[in-house]
Amino acid sequence: MPLARRTLLASPALLFAQSPSPQPPSPTLTEIPNSAADFRGWPTLCRRRSGELLIAYSGGRQAHVCPFGRVELIRSLDNGQTWSAPQVLFDTPIDDRDAGLVETPTGALLVTTFTSIVYQTKLSTAPSSWQDAERATTQAQKQSLLGCWMLRSTDGGLTWSAPYRVPVNSPHGPITTASGRLLYPGKDLYGSGGIAIYESPDDGLHWRLLAPLPTRPGDNPAEYHELHGVEASPGHLIVHIRNHNPANDRETLQTESHDGGKAWTTPHPIGVWGLPSHLLRLRSGRQRDGRLLMSYGYRRDPRGNHVRTSDNGGATWSAPIILSNDGAGDLGYPSTVELPSGELLTLWYEASPTRPRAQLRLARYRLE
């Protein structure tokens, strides 16, 4: 049974209360070079304990939906000033999409993705290259490739395992806790359609159900999507959910666990329109003290990407801090890392009517 909401969250007035925003960051915005000019989408930025930055994303694409998506990885050894050429990790004959990325407590790297044939609905008006790609495999072969996938590296990304199936997917992949647990809140895309949190007992090789996540009364669980989580404090976990139910449509819902993930509160709104969310616990330090930061895309005019902070374990969130507001098209799925200096890097993808092949864009800023 899901936990009853804490008294603090039971009052609508408190639920939507917003603490003051930190000082606006005045970010420096840069675009990551892409010599191939392919569509790059749904990235995840990860900072390894060694200091190396990694980005996994869906590259090699022609459009938001197409048969050419593949998972690529680029890396930076200078805090994001320069980036390597892409390394192709996963490339099936169908569309390989959102790429999640995490470094496990042992130092292994896990990359997640899912496969899709939604592009087939557009074949009648698609370029001939799409038709050629479609003829390369049978429909039965394409169906056999559908699923949620993971790849694992134990040598810093030099070599990777064969892809293996996992029970759920989320855009930014699994999360870790301070005690070394490896958790994966996500959605069963090709099974029940439900959402749940899984735990790996062996560094990402296998996953076992920790708990199903509850549904708000009146909601259709099939309209919950694209989860991400964070450990706010020992035993206190938070998961954000992309919601497409009529109540709070396109808002972020939040659920909490206070027993390490066994029981969860009923998902509830937090007063944030925009999605999907990426969650990060900032390091303790001057004026930060372990605050939480959520990053999310905002697809209303002016389109862009926002972050908010919480200094009370996710009970309330600040007003939005706007990183970009000049977007005109397909954009979002931001993720954030913190550098040792306290500087923050937030990465997203962005297309526009004049440049439909989206590129990766990076904001560099500080929170005072």
Protein backbone atom coordinates (compact mmCIF):
# COMPACT_ATOMS: atom_id res chain seq x y z
CA MET A 1 0.00 0.00 0.00
CA PRO A 2 1.32 3.49 -0.81
CA LEU A 3 2.23 5.68 2.13
CA ALA A 4 -0.15 8.40 3.19
CA ARG A 5 1.17 11.83 2.28
CA ARG A 6 3.04 13.66 4.95
CA THR A 7 1.07 16.36 6.70
CA LEU A 8 3.28 18.96 5.07
CA LEU A 9 2.14 17.86 1.62
CA ALA A 10 -1.53 17.44 2.46
CA SER A 11 -2.33 21.13 2.31
CA PRO A 12 -2.72 22.58 -1.24
CA ALA A 13 -1.37 25.91 0.02
CA LEU A 14 1.81 24.25 1.23
CA LEU A 15 1.98 21.88 -1.72
CA PHE A 16 2.34 24.69 -4.24
CA ALA A 17 4.39 26.99 -2.01
CA GLN A 18 7.55 28.14 -3.70
CA SER A 19 10.67 29.16 -1.87
CA PRO A 20 12.55 32.14 -3.29
CA SER A 21 14.72 31.42 -6.30
CA PRO A 22 18.48 31.56 -5.98
CA GLN A 23 20.09 34.45 -7.77
CA PRO A 24 19.53 34.06 -11.56
CA PRO A 25 22.55 32.31 -13.06
CA SER A 26 23.21 34.36 -16.25
CA PRO A 27 24.36 31.17 -17.99
CA THR A 28 26.92 30.92 -20.75
CA LEU A 29 25.33 28.97 -23.61
CA THR A 30 27.36 26.95 -26.10
CA GLU A 31 26.60 24.34 -28.75
CA ILE A 32 28.57 21.11 -28.90
CA PRO A 33 30.14 20.79 -32.37
CA ASN A 34 28.67 18.17 -34.70
CA SER A 35 30.60 17.77 -37.93
CA ALA A 36 28.06 15.31 -39.32
CA ALA A 37 25.15 17.72 -38.70
CA ASP A 38 22.96 14.75 -37.77
CA PHE A 39 19.97 15.19 -35.46
CA ARG A 40 21.16 14.60 -31.88
CA GLY A 41 18.47 14.07 -29.27
CA TRP A 42 17.54 13.00 -25.72
CA PRO A 43 21.01 13.24 -24.17
CA THR A 44 22.25 12.49 -20.67
CA LEU A 45 25.27 14.23 -19.18
CA CYS A 46 27.33 12.32 -16.58
CA ARG A 47 30.38 13.34 -14.56
CA ARG A 48 32.59 10.43 -13.55
CA ARG A 49 34.46 10.42 -10.25
CA SER A 50 37.64 10.79 -12.30
CA GLY A 51 36.36 14.17 -13.52
CA GLU A 52 35.70 13.02 -17.08
CA LEU A 53 32.41 14.19 -18.60
CA LEU A 54 30.40 11.82 -20.77
CA ILE A 55 27.32 12.43 -22.92
CA ALA A 56 25.16 9.61 -24.28
CA TYR A 57 22.53 10.56 -26.85
CA SER A 58 20.61 9.34 -29.89
CA GLY A 59 22.59 10.35 -32.97
CA GLY A 60 22.92 9.57 -36.67
CA ARG A 61 19.35 10.74 -37.08
CA GLN A 62 17.48 12.65 -39.78
CA ALA A 63 14.50 13.70 -37.66
CA HIS A 64 12.69 13.40 -34.33
CA VAL A 65 11.25 10.08 -35.56
CA CYS A 66 13.19 8.11 -38.18
CA PRO A 67 14.73 4.64 -38.74
CA PHE A 68 18.33 5.80 -38.33
CA GLY A 69 18.67 6.55 -34.61
CA ARG A 70 21.65 5.02 -32.85
CA VAL A 71 23.23 5.50 -29.41
CA GLU A 72 26.46 7.51 -29.43
CA LEU A 73 28.86 8.66 -26.72
CA ILE A 74 31.16 11.68 -26.58
CA ARG A 75 33.56 12.66 -23.80
CA SER A 76 35.38 15.68 -22.41
CA LEU A 77 38.54 15.81 -20.28
CA ASP A 78 38.44 19.59 -19.75
CA ASN A 79 35.09 20.18 -18.00
CA GLY A 80 33.17 20.50 -21.24
CA GLN A 81 35.38 22.97 -23.10
CA THR A 82 36.10 20.45 -25.88
CA TRP A 83 34.52 17.14 -26.87
CA SER A 84 35.67 13.95 -28.60
CA ALA A 85 34.38 12.50 -31.82
CA PRO A 86 31.35 10.23 -31.26
CA GLN A 87 31.68 6.56 -30.38
CA VAL A 88 28.77 4.43 -31.65
CA LEU A 89 27.54 2.09 -28.90
CA PHE A 90 24.25 0.66 -30.18
CA ASP A 91 22.88 0.67 -33.73
CA THR A 92 19.99 -1.60 -34.69
CA PRO A 93 18.07 -1.52 -38.00
CA ILE A 94 15.24 0.36 -36.24
CA ASP A 95 15.08 3.57 -34.20
CA ASP A 96 17.33 3.59 -31.10
CA ARG A 97 16.18 6.48 -28.95
CA ASP A 98 16.66 8.15 -25.52
CA ALA A 99 20.09 7.46 -24.03
CA GLY A 100 20.51 7.31 -20.25
CA LEU A 101 23.90 7.15 -18.55
CA VAL A 102 25.20 6.53 -15.02
CA GLU A 103 28.47 5.58 -13.35
CA THR A 104 27.86 2.87 -10.77
CA PRO A 105 29.50 2.84 -7.32
CA THR A 106 32.13 0.39 -8.65
CA GLY A 107 33.02 2.71 -11.54
CA ALA A 108 31.21 0.73 -14.23
CA LEU A 109 29.23 2.68 -16.83
CA LEU A 110 25.63 1.83 -17.75
CA VAL A 111 23.95 3.20 -20.88
CA THR A 112 20.23 2.73 -21.45
CA THR A 113 18.02 3.11 -24.51
CA PHE A 114 14.82 1.82 -26.07
CA THR A 115 13.94 0.84 -29.62
CA SER A 116 10.93 1.95 -31.67
CA ILE A 117 9.19 1.46 -35.02
CA VAL A 118 6.88 4.45 -34.69
CA TYR A 119 8.61 5.89 -37.76
CA GLN A 120 6.64 3.37 -39.85
CA THR A 121 3.58 5.61 -39.55
CA LYS A 122 5.47 8.18 -41.64
CA LEU A 123 6.87 5.91 -44.34
CA SER A 124 4.33 6.87 -47.02
CA THR A 125 5.70 10.42 -47.17
CA ALA A 126 9.29 9.69 -46.12
CA PRO A 127 12.43 10.01 -48.28
CA SER A 128 13.60 7.01 -50.31
CA SER A 129 16.40 6.39 -47.80
CA TRP A 130 13.75 5.46 -45.25
CA GLN A 131 12.23 2.96 -47.69
CA ASP A 132 15.66 1.43 -48.27
CA ALA A 133 16.22 1.09 -44.53
CA GLU A 134 12.79 -0.47 -44.09
CA ARG A 135 13.54 -3.15 -46.70
CA ALA A 136 16.74 -4.20 -44.94
CA THR A 137 14.88 -6.34 -42.36
CA THR A 138 11.57 -8.15 -42.08
CA GLN A 139 8.77 -6.94 -39.87
CA ALA A 140 9.30 -9.97 -37.64
CA GLN A 141 12.95 -9.05 -37.23
CA LYS A 142 11.99 -5.49 -36.34
CA GLN A 143 9.49 -6.70 -33.76
CA SER A 144 12.14 -8.92 -32.19
CA LEU A 145 14.32 -5.84 -31.56
CA LEU A 146 11.68 -3.85 -29.68
CA GLY A 147 12.47 -3.40 -26.02
CA CYS A 148 14.29 -1.58 -23.21
CA TRP A 149 18.04 -2.12 -23.40
CA MET A 150 21.21 -1.62 -21.37
CA LEU A 151 24.93 -1.75 -22.16
CA ARG A 152 27.70 -1.98 -19.56
CA SER A 153 31.38 -1.06 -19.56
CA THR A 154 33.95 -1.85 -16.87
CA ASP A 155 36.91 -0.13 -18.55
CA GLY A 156 35.75 3.47 -18.72
CA GLY A 157 33.84 3.04 -21.96
CA LEU A 158 36.69 1.56 -24.01
CA THR A 159 34.69 -1.62 -24.59
CA TRP A 160 31.04 -2.44 -23.98
CA SER A 161 28.99 -5.54 -23.28
CA ALA A 162 26.46 -6.88 -25.71
CA PRO A 163 23.12 -5.11 -25.17
CA TYR A 164 20.81 -6.87 -22.75
CA ARG A 165 17.15 -6.38 -21.93
CA VAL A 166 16.01 -4.60 -18.77
CA PRO A 167 12.47 -4.34 -17.38
CA VAL A 168 11.93 -0.57 -17.68
CA ASN A 169 13.19 2.56 -19.41
CA SER A 170 13.59 6.19 -18.47
CA PRO A 171 15.31 8.94 -20.48
CA HIS A 172 18.23 9.45 -18.07
CA GLY A 173 18.62 5.90 -16.76
CA PRO A 174 19.33 4.50 -13.28
CA ILE A 175 20.44 6.38 -10.17
CA THR A 176 22.82 5.64 -7.30
CA THR A 177 22.56 6.27 -3.57
CA ALA A 178 25.17 7.33 -1.04
CA SER A 179 25.28 3.81 0.39
CA GLY A 180 26.03 2.30 -3.03
CA ARG A 181 22.61 1.08 -4.10
CA LEU A 182 21.75 1.08 -7.81
CA LEU A 183 18.08 1.89 -8.51
CA TYR A 184 16.10 2.24 -11.72
CA PRO A 185 12.72 4.03 -11.65
CA GLY A 186 11.09 3.62 -15.04
CA LYS A 187 8.26 2.51 -17.29
CA ASP A 188 7.60 -0.91 -18.79
CA LEU A 189 7.29 0.29 -22.37
CA TYR A 190 6.48 -3.00 -24.09
CA GLY A 191 4.69 -4.89 -21.34
CA SER A 192 2.19 -3.67 -18.78
CA GLY A 193 2.89 0.02 -19.41
CA GLY A 194 3.15 0.50 -15.65
CA ILE A 195 5.79 2.32 -13.65
CA ALA A 196 7.97 0.80 -10.95
CA ILE A 197 11.37 1.02 -9.31
CA TYR A 198 13.92 -1.76 -9.69
CA GLU A 199 17.17 -2.48 -7.87
CA SER A 200 20.30 -4.21 -9.15
CA PRO A 201 22.11 -6.56 -6.75
CA ASP A 202 25.12 -6.96 -9.07
CA ASP A 203 26.19 -3.61 -10.48
CA GLY A 204 23.60 -3.42 -13.26
CA LEU A 205 23.81 -6.93 -14.68
CA HIS A 206 20.40 -7.97 -13.36
CA TRP A 207 17.39 -6.07 -12.02
CA ARG A 208 14.74 -7.12 -9.50
CA LEU A 209 11.49 -5.36 -8.65
CA LEU A 210 11.77 -3.20 -5.54
CA ALA A 211 8.25 -1.75 -5.67
CA PRO A 212 5.53 -0.76 -8.13
CA LEU A 213 4.83 2.96 -8.02
CA PRO A 214 1.27 3.99 -7.11
CA THR A 215 -1.28 5.75 -9.30
CA ARG A 216 -3.20 8.85 -8.28
CA PRO A 217 -6.97 8.19 -7.96
CA GLY A 218 -8.63 8.83 -11.32
CA ASP A 219 -5.41 8.65 -13.31
CA ASN A 220 -4.62 6.18 -16.08
CA PRO A 221 -1.19 4.72 -15.24
CA ALA A 222 -0.50 4.37 -18.97
CA GLU A 223 -0.28 8.19 -19.05
CA TYR A 224 2.69 8.24 -16.65
CA HIS A 225 6.01 8.46 -18.48
CA GLU A 226 9.74 9.29 -18.31
CA LEU A 227 10.71 9.00 -14.65
CA HIS A 228 13.84 10.09 -12.83
CA GLY A 229 14.81 9.88 -9.18
CA VAL A 230 17.22 11.10 -6.53
CA GLU A 231 18.17 10.25 -2.96
CA ALA A 232 17.39 13.41 -0.98
CA SER A 233 18.83 11.97 2.26
CA PRO A 234 19.53 8.44 3.51
CA GLY A 235 16.37 6.38 2.95
CA HIS A 236 14.45 9.34 1.49
CA LEU A 237 13.93 8.90 -2.25
CA ILE A 238 12.10 11.17 -4.69
CA VAL A 239 10.86 10.23 -8.17
CA HIS A 240 9.47 12.65 -10.75
CA ILE A 241 6.95 11.51 -13.36
CA ARG A 242 5.94 13.00 -16.70
CA ASN A 243 2.13 13.17 -16.53
CA HIS A 244 -0.28 13.14 -19.49
CA ASN A 245 -3.50 12.61 -17.54
CA PRO A 246 -6.07 15.44 -17.92
CA ALA A 247 -5.50 16.56 -14.33
CA ASN A 248 -2.18 18.47 -14.34
CA ASP A 249 -1.56 17.56 -17.98
CA ARG A 250 2.11 18.08 -19.00
CA GLU A 251 3.05 18.80 -15.40
CA THR A 252 5.60 17.00 -13.26
CA LEU A 253 4.20 14.72 -10.56
CA GLN A 254 6.26 13.67 -7.54
CA THR A 255 6.23 10.59 -5.34
CA GLU A 256 8.38 9.96 -2.27
CA SER A 257 9.63 7.02 -0.25
CA HIS A 258 10.87 7.28 3.34
CA ASP A 259 11.89 3.65 3.75
CA GLY A 260 14.47 3.23 1.00
CA GLY A 261 11.98 2.56 -1.80
CA LYS A 262 9.64 -0.10 -0.44
CA ALA A 263 6.56 2.14 -0.07
CA TRP A 264 5.68 5.33 -1.94
CA THR A 265 3.33 8.26 -1.56
CA THR A 266 0.56 8.84 -4.06
CA PRO A 267 1.93 10.94 -6.95
CA HIS A 268 1.06 14.61 -6.51
CA PRO A 269 1.64 17.86 -8.42
CA ILE A 270 4.39 20.24 -7.37
CA GLY A 271 3.23 23.27 -9.33
CA VAL A 272 5.67 22.77 -12.22
CA TRP A 273 4.49 22.83 -15.83
CA GLY A 274 7.20 21.24 -17.96
CA LEU A 275 8.87 17.88 -18.42
CA PRO A 276 10.59 15.50 -18.20
CA SER A 277 12.57 16.12 -15.04
CA HIS A 278 16.15 15.25 -14.16
CA LEU A 279 17.04 15.29 -10.45
CA LEU A 280 20.40 16.01 -8.81
CA ARG A 281 21.51 16.38 -5.19
CA LEU A 282 24.04 19.18 -4.97
CA ARG A 283 27.12 18.63 -2.87
CA SER A 284 27.11 20.06 0.61
CA GLY A 285 29.06 23.30 0.76
CA ARG A 286 28.78 27.02 1.03
CA GLN A 287 25.15 28.08 0.55
CA ARG A 288 24.27 24.71 -0.98
CA ASP A 289 24.04 22.22 1.88
CA GLY A 290 22.75 19.31 -0.17
CA ARG A 291 19.96 21.12 -1.97
CA LEU A 292 18.10 19.34 -4.76
CA LEU A 293 18.02 20.61 -8.31
CA MET A 294 15.47 19.66 -10.96
CA SER A 295 16.07 20.38 -14.66
CA TYR A 296 13.24 20.26 -17.20
CA GLY A 297 12.17 21.41 -20.64
CA TYR A 298 9.55 24.11 -21.07
CA ARG A 299 7.56 23.89 -24.32
CA ARG A 300 5.40 26.96 -23.97
CA ASP A 301 6.38 30.33 -25.36
CA PRO A 302 8.98 31.46 -24.62
CA ARG A 303 10.29 27.94 -25.05
CA GLY A 304 13.40 26.91 -23.23
CA ASN A 305 14.85 25.01 -20.31
CA HIS A 306 14.46 25.71 -16.61
CA VAL A 307 15.86 24.52 -13.30
CA ARG A 308 14.43 24.79 -9.79
CA THR A 309 15.93 24.05 -6.40
CA SER A 310 14.62 22.65 -3.14
CA ASP A 311 16.25 23.26 0.23
CA ASN A 312 13.80 21.07 2.16
CA GLY A 313 14.20 17.65 0.58
CA GLY A 314 11.69 18.22 -2.21
CA ALA A 315 8.78 19.33 0.00
CA THR A 316 8.68 22.59 -1.99
CA TRP A 317 10.50 23.87 -5.05
CA SER A 318 11.73 27.35 -5.91
CA ALA A 319 10.38 29.53 -8.68
CA PRO A 320 11.91 28.69 -12.07
CA ILE A 321 15.45 29.70 -12.94
CA ILE A 322 15.48 30.20 -16.70
CA LEU A 323 18.54 28.86 -18.49
CA SER A 324 17.23 29.46 -22.01
CA ASN A 325 14.09 31.08 -23.41
CA ASP A 326 14.95 31.47 -27.10
CA GLY A 327 13.70 28.08 -28.29
CA ALA A 328 11.39 27.85 -31.28
CA GLY A 329 10.95 24.12 -31.85
CA ASP A 330 11.75 20.66 -30.56
CA LEU A 331 13.84 20.88 -27.38
CA GLY A 332 14.43 19.77 -23.83
CA TYR A 333 15.33 16.64 -21.84
CA PRO A 334 17.97 18.53 -19.84
CA SER A 335 20.30 16.89 -17.35
CA THR A 336 22.74 18.58 -14.98
CA VAL A 337 26.10 17.85 -13.34
CA GLU A 338 28.05 19.79 -10.73
CA LEU A 339 31.77 20.52 -11.11
CA PRO A 340 34.16 20.61 -8.11
CA SER A 341 34.20 24.41 -8.36
CA GLY A 342 30.44 24.53 -7.76
CA GLU A 343 29.78 25.47 -11.37
CA LEU A 344 26.81 23.67 -12.94
CA LEU A 345 26.51 22.31 -16.47
CA THR A 346 23.06 21.61 -17.92
CA LEU A 347 22.75 19.88 -21.29
CA TRP A 348 19.74 19.52 -23.60
CA TYR A 349 18.88 19.03 -27.27
CA GLU A 350 17.27 21.71 -29.41
CA ALA A 351 15.88 22.03 -32.94
CA SER A 352 14.11 24.94 -34.62
CA PRO A 353 12.00 25.56 -37.73
CA THR A 354 15.11 26.86 -39.51
CA ARG A 355 17.27 23.96 -38.29
CA PRO A 356 15.12 20.85 -37.86
CA ARG A 357 18.10 18.61 -37.10
CA ALA A 358 18.52 19.19 -33.39
CA GLN A 359 21.90 19.77 -31.76
CA LEU A 360 23.22 19.52 -28.21
CA ARG A 361 23.32 22.76 -26.23
CA LEU A 362 25.12 23.35 -22.93
CA ALA A 363 24.54 25.98 -20.21
CA ARG A 364 27.35 26.84 -17.78
CA TYR A 365 26.38 28.78 -14.64
CA ARG A 366 26.50 29.12 -10.87
CA LEU A 367 23.85 29.32 -8.22
CA GLU A 368 24.67 31.96 -5.60
